[in-house]
Amino acid sequence: MRRLLVVALVLWAGQARAWNPHGHRVVAAVAHARLQPRVQQRVAALLASRPEYRQWAAGVPPAERDRAAFLRAANWADDIRELPAYSEAQKHKDWHYINVPFSIDGTRTRPPAVPNVETQIRELRRQLAAPGTSDEAKSSALVWLLHLVGDVHMPLHCVARFDRLLPQGDRGGTLILLSADPKDHLHGFWDRALGDEGDVRMALAAAQALPEPPAALAAIADEKVWVAEGVEAAKRWVYRGPVKAGPGPFTLDPVYGRDARAISAQRIALAGARLAKLLNEALR
């Protein structure tokens, strides 16, 4: 039975997200409030040049459209996964994560594949800052960075755990069950740990309620450090009791859920602050 559940989960693993739409919009809300005025104008112009802008700005008063588009664009990289208009090559599903391996029982691991979220954040921020990059390319780099900086601050998008029961790795927690339902996995639990609230206004309210990230941490601009933080957060807070070795299923208790929400709030606040710093420096 356990083997059948693992096989079923493998089929669903490609559907994993890093933060749900609400989480990504909260990251963007934190960032937008920290942008320098001229940078706000620049990102607004870059987003307005994209064909998706009308959808991102829909139903919002004119004075609020630029901010709403910024928040909604943060979900674009996940949204296109379900759209047949985009080819598999355009969806870049391997850009969203990096599987830094570790083993809890000596099982052999394998190094993370390239490209990954670390390599792509580095390349996209270079493109965004380069004077010779066209506005079309800058707008593409911008919407990807709006999403990927959020992704890399979700601990399970930085790590893969190996053990004798999951010798190929757990794919960022997508192979660790929380029930008999193959869609109910550890990764999904952390995706929605901050909540499932609605669109822009709820994201703005949630952003205001987040803890203020320490200035020293918010100033860290090295994506390698961001990944290393995610690995350590996963080891300390994700892979802890009642989550044990193997694919489960495991029943999470209220203490685990409370801590997951607190850690997610901290990581999302930090992601937003770092995203703002990245954009301020690239587009000043």
Protein backbone atom coordinates (compact mmCIF):
# COMPACT_ATOMS: atom_id res chain seq x y z
CA MET A 1 0.00 0.00 0.00
CA ARG A 2 2.78 2.43 0.92
CA ARG A 3 4.51 1.83 -2.43
CA LEU A 4 1.27 2.56 -4.29
CA LEU A 5 0.86 5.84 -2.41
CA VAL A 6 4.41 6.90 -3.27
CA VAL A 7 3.88 6.10 -6.96
CA ALA A 8 0.67 8.13 -6.94
CA LEU A 9 2.44 11.06 -5.33
CA VAL A 10 5.16 11.03 -7.98
CA LEU A 11 2.46 11.76 -10.54
CA TRP A 12 1.34 14.80 -8.55
CA ALA A 13 4.79 16.13 -7.62
CA GLY A 14 5.03 18.31 -10.71
CA GLN A 15 2.03 20.30 -9.52
CA ALA A 16 3.82 21.62 -6.42
CA ARG A 17 3.87 25.36 -5.77
CA ALA A 18 6.01 27.52 -3.50
CA TRP A 19 3.51 29.55 -1.53
CA ASN A 20 -0.03 29.61 -2.79
CA PRO A 21 -1.31 32.68 -4.73
CA HIS A 22 -2.03 34.52 -1.49
CA GLY A 23 1.51 33.95 -0.22
CA HIS A 24 3.08 35.26 -3.42
CA ARG A 25 0.83 38.32 -3.41
CA VAL A 26 1.83 39.06 0.19
CA VAL A 27 5.51 38.89 -0.79
CA ALA A 28 4.79 41.38 -3.57
CA ALA A 29 2.78 43.64 -1.24
CA VAL A 30 5.69 43.84 1.19
CA ALA A 31 8.07 44.62 -1.67
CA HIS A 32 5.89 47.24 -3.36
CA ALA A 33 5.62 49.28 -0.15
CA ARG A 34 9.42 49.41 0.04
CA LEU A 35 10.12 50.44 -3.55
CA GLN A 36 11.59 53.85 -4.19
CA PRO A 37 9.08 56.14 -5.98
CA ARG A 38 11.02 56.18 -9.25
CA VAL A 39 11.38 52.40 -9.13
CA GLN A 40 7.63 52.05 -8.55
CA GLN A 41 7.08 54.08 -11.70
CA ARG A 42 9.59 51.99 -13.65
CA VAL A 43 8.11 48.63 -12.65
CA ALA A 44 4.61 49.96 -13.37
CA ALA A 45 5.70 50.88 -16.90
CA LEU A 46 7.35 47.52 -17.48
CA LEU A 47 4.26 45.63 -16.30
CA ALA A 48 1.92 47.87 -18.32
CA SER A 49 3.83 46.92 -21.47
CA ARG A 50 2.92 43.26 -21.07
CA PRO A 51 -0.15 41.67 -22.70
CA GLU A 52 -1.29 40.34 -19.31
CA TYR A 53 -1.53 43.83 -17.80
CA ARG A 54 -5.22 44.28 -18.62
CA GLN A 55 -6.03 41.11 -16.70
CA TRP A 56 -3.78 42.07 -13.79
CA ALA A 57 -5.41 45.50 -13.51
CA ALA A 58 -9.00 44.34 -14.05
CA GLY A 59 -11.67 45.49 -11.61
CA VAL A 60 -9.38 47.93 -9.80
CA PRO A 61 -9.78 51.73 -9.59
CA PRO A 62 -7.24 53.56 -11.80
CA ALA A 63 -5.23 54.89 -8.88
CA GLU A 64 -4.67 51.35 -7.56
CA ARG A 65 -4.00 49.51 -10.82
CA ASP A 66 -0.22 49.67 -10.80
CA ARG A 67 0.01 48.16 -7.32
CA ALA A 68 -2.65 45.54 -8.06
CA ALA A 69 -0.84 44.53 -11.25
CA PHE A 70 2.40 44.18 -9.29
CA LEU A 71 0.76 41.86 -6.76
CA ARG A 72 -1.10 39.79 -9.33
CA ALA A 73 1.92 39.49 -11.61
CA ALA A 74 3.70 37.68 -8.77
CA ASN A 75 1.50 34.64 -9.55
CA TRP A 76 2.04 34.67 -13.31
CA ALA A 77 4.86 32.10 -13.32
CA ASP A 78 2.55 29.59 -11.62
CA ASP A 79 -0.53 30.60 -13.60
CA ILE A 80 1.05 29.76 -16.96
CA ARG A 81 1.63 26.15 -15.90
CA GLU A 82 -2.06 25.50 -16.59
CA LEU A 83 -2.30 27.47 -19.85
CA PRO A 84 -1.96 25.56 -23.14
CA ALA A 85 -0.93 28.77 -24.91
CA TYR A 86 2.50 28.36 -23.32
CA SER A 87 4.85 25.56 -24.32
CA GLU A 88 6.56 23.40 -21.73
CA ALA A 89 9.81 25.19 -22.54
CA GLN A 90 8.21 28.57 -21.79
CA LYS A 91 6.84 27.40 -18.44
CA HIS A 92 10.34 26.78 -17.03
CA LYS A 93 9.07 24.49 -14.29
CA ASP A 94 12.62 23.73 -13.14
CA TRP A 95 13.27 27.39 -12.33
CA HIS A 96 11.05 27.34 -9.24
CA TYR A 97 13.19 25.27 -6.88
CA ILE A 98 16.57 23.79 -6.07
CA ASN A 99 16.81 20.34 -4.51
CA VAL A 100 19.78 20.71 -2.19
CA PRO A 101 20.10 17.16 -0.87
CA PHE A 102 20.57 15.77 2.59
CA SER A 103 20.20 12.29 4.03
CA ILE A 104 18.98 11.30 7.46
CA ASP A 105 20.32 7.73 7.39
CA GLY A 106 23.30 7.67 5.03
CA THR A 107 21.28 7.05 1.85
CA ARG A 108 23.21 8.27 -1.18
CA THR A 109 22.05 11.64 -2.46
CA ARG A 110 22.44 13.42 -5.79
CA PRO A 111 23.35 17.04 -6.48
CA PRO A 112 20.72 19.58 -7.55
CA ALA A 113 20.00 19.92 -11.25
CA VAL A 114 20.74 23.03 -13.29
CA PRO A 115 18.99 25.35 -14.06
CA ASN A 116 17.29 25.97 -10.75
CA VAL A 117 15.90 28.84 -8.71
CA GLU A 118 19.35 29.95 -7.57
CA THR A 119 20.92 30.07 -11.03
CA GLN A 120 17.90 31.79 -12.54
CA ILE A 121 17.53 34.50 -9.90
CA ARG A 122 21.18 35.34 -10.48
CA GLU A 123 20.74 35.51 -14.26
CA LEU A 124 17.42 37.38 -14.19
CA ARG A 125 18.67 40.06 -11.82
CA ARG A 126 21.67 40.54 -14.12
CA GLN A 127 19.32 41.00 -17.08
CA LEU A 128 17.11 43.41 -15.17
CA ALA A 129 20.06 45.62 -14.19
CA ALA A 130 22.00 45.51 -17.47
CA PRO A 131 21.80 48.82 -19.42
CA GLY A 132 21.68 47.00 -22.74
CA THR A 133 18.68 44.81 -21.89
CA SER A 134 15.55 45.71 -23.86
CA ASP A 135 12.43 46.74 -22.01
CA GLU A 136 10.71 43.61 -23.30
CA ALA A 137 13.41 41.44 -21.75
CA LYS A 138 13.40 43.52 -18.58
CA SER A 139 9.64 43.07 -18.20
CA SER A 140 10.06 39.31 -18.54
CA ALA A 141 12.88 39.27 -15.98
CA LEU A 142 10.75 41.37 -13.65
CA VAL A 143 7.72 39.07 -13.61
CA TRP A 144 9.90 36.03 -13.09
CA LEU A 145 11.77 37.68 -10.22
CA LEU A 146 8.50 38.73 -8.59
CA HIS A 147 7.73 35.04 -8.32
CA LEU A 148 11.09 33.32 -7.89
CA VAL A 149 12.26 35.47 -4.98
CA GLY A 150 9.14 34.30 -3.19
CA ASP A 151 9.80 30.71 -4.22
CA VAL A 152 13.33 30.57 -2.85
CA HIS A 153 12.14 31.72 0.58
CA MET A 154 9.80 28.73 0.92
CA PRO A 155 11.96 26.13 2.73
CA LEU A 156 10.71 23.14 0.73
CA HIS A 157 11.75 24.79 -2.53
CA CYS A 158 15.36 24.57 -1.39
CA VAL A 159 15.77 20.98 -0.29
CA ALA A 160 15.29 17.27 -0.98
CA ARG A 161 15.44 14.72 1.84
CA PHE A 162 16.73 11.23 1.09
CA ASP A 163 16.25 8.11 3.20
CA ARG A 164 16.02 4.38 2.66
CA LEU A 165 12.26 4.57 2.09
CA LEU A 166 12.61 7.47 -0.36
CA PRO A 167 15.97 6.69 -1.98
CA GLN A 168 15.33 9.06 -4.92
CA GLY A 169 14.54 11.95 -2.59
CA ASP A 170 11.24 13.42 -1.43
CA ARG A 171 11.03 16.12 -4.14
CA GLY A 172 10.77 18.98 -1.73
CA GLY A 173 8.25 17.23 0.50
CA THR A 174 5.81 16.39 -2.29
CA LEU A 175 6.37 12.67 -1.65
CA ILE A 176 5.63 12.91 2.07
CA LEU A 177 1.95 12.19 2.64
CA LEU A 178 -0.31 13.72 5.26
CA SER A 179 -3.21 11.38 4.43
CA ALA A 180 -4.10 8.66 1.93
CA ASP A 181 -4.89 11.37 -0.65
CA PRO A 182 -1.82 11.74 -2.93
CA LYS A 183 -2.54 15.46 -3.29
CA ASP A 184 -2.33 15.96 0.48
CA HIS A 185 1.41 16.26 1.02
CA LEU A 186 3.86 18.14 3.20
CA HIS A 187 4.83 20.59 0.48
CA GLY A 188 1.22 21.61 -0.06
CA PHE A 189 0.74 22.15 3.67
CA TRP A 190 3.62 24.64 3.73
CA ASP A 191 2.41 26.32 0.52
CA ARG A 192 -0.74 27.45 2.28
CA ALA A 193 0.64 27.88 5.81
CA LEU A 194 0.00 31.64 5.76
CA GLY A 195 -3.61 31.09 4.73
CA ASP A 196 -5.89 30.96 1.70
CA GLU A 197 -7.31 34.47 1.77
CA GLY A 198 -8.49 36.34 -1.32
CA ASP A 199 -7.02 38.78 -3.77
CA VAL A 200 -5.23 42.12 -3.51
CA ARG A 201 -6.89 43.76 -0.50
CA MET A 202 -6.45 40.70 1.69
CA ALA A 203 -2.80 40.43 0.64
CA LEU A 204 -2.18 44.07 1.53
CA ALA A 205 -3.78 43.57 4.94
CA ALA A 206 -1.77 40.40 5.54
CA ALA A 207 1.46 42.17 4.57
CA GLN A 208 0.84 44.87 7.16
CA ALA A 209 0.41 42.23 9.86
CA LEU A 210 3.73 40.50 9.16
CA PRO A 211 6.70 40.82 11.51
CA GLU A 212 9.32 43.36 10.47
CA PRO A 213 12.36 41.43 9.20
CA PRO A 214 15.69 42.24 10.86
CA ALA A 215 17.54 44.86 8.82
CA ALA A 216 20.72 42.78 8.71
CA LEU A 217 18.88 39.83 7.20
CA ALA A 218 16.87 41.97 4.78
CA ALA A 219 20.13 43.42 3.47
CA ILE A 220 21.47 40.02 2.37
CA ALA A 221 21.43 40.04 -1.43
CA ASP A 222 23.20 36.74 -2.17
CA GLU A 223 20.79 34.13 -3.54
CA LYS A 224 23.16 31.38 -2.38
CA VAL A 225 22.62 32.53 1.19
CA TRP A 226 18.86 32.60 0.62
CA VAL A 227 19.00 28.95 -0.45
CA ALA A 228 21.19 27.97 2.51
CA GLU A 229 18.69 29.62 4.86
CA GLY A 230 15.88 27.63 3.27
CA VAL A 231 17.76 24.37 3.75
CA GLU A 232 18.38 25.09 7.42
CA ALA A 233 14.77 26.20 7.98
CA ALA A 234 13.56 22.97 6.40
CA LYS A 235 15.78 20.82 8.58
CA ARG A 236 14.78 22.65 11.75
CA TRP A 237 11.09 23.38 11.21
CA VAL A 238 9.74 21.20 8.39
CA TYR A 239 11.34 17.79 8.93
CA ARG A 240 10.53 17.54 12.62
CA GLY A 241 8.06 15.53 14.64
CA PRO A 242 5.50 14.34 13.83
CA VAL A 243 7.18 14.15 10.38
CA LYS A 244 9.51 11.16 10.48
CA ALA A 245 11.47 9.14 7.92
CA GLY A 246 9.76 7.80 4.82
CA PRO A 247 6.63 8.85 2.93
CA GLY A 248 4.15 8.76 5.82
CA PRO A 249 1.29 9.44 6.05
CA PHE A 250 1.93 11.64 9.08
CA THR A 251 -0.67 13.54 11.10
CA LEU A 252 0.46 17.06 11.90
CA ASP A 253 -0.43 18.43 15.32
CA PRO A 254 -1.53 21.98 16.30
CA VAL A 255 1.93 22.92 17.56
CA TYR A 256 3.46 22.02 14.20
CA GLY A 257 0.79 24.05 12.40
CA ARG A 258 1.31 27.08 14.65
CA ASP A 259 5.06 27.01 14.10
CA ALA A 260 4.66 26.54 10.35
CA ARG A 261 2.51 29.66 10.15
CA ALA A 262 5.00 31.69 12.18
CA ILE A 263 8.00 30.57 10.12
CA SER A 264 6.11 31.16 6.87
CA ALA A 265 5.24 34.70 7.99
CA GLN A 266 8.90 35.40 8.74
CA ARG A 267 10.11 33.96 5.43
CA ILE A 268 7.47 35.84 3.40
CA ALA A 269 8.28 39.14 5.12
CA LEU A 270 11.97 38.59 4.44
CA ALA A 271 11.30 37.67 0.81
CA GLY A 272 9.37 40.89 0.28
CA ALA A 273 12.08 43.05 1.82
CA ARG A 274 14.79 41.39 -0.24
CA LEU A 275 12.74 41.63 -3.43
CA ALA A 276 12.37 45.36 -2.88
CA LYS A 277 16.10 45.75 -2.32
CA LEU A 278 16.83 43.78 -5.50
CA LEU A 279 14.47 45.91 -7.59
CA ASN A 280 15.60 49.20 -6.08
CA GLU A 281 19.21 48.37 -6.91
CA ALA A 282 18.52 46.97 -10.38
CA LEU A 283 16.21 49.74 -11.57
CA ARG A 284 17.41 52.86 -9.74
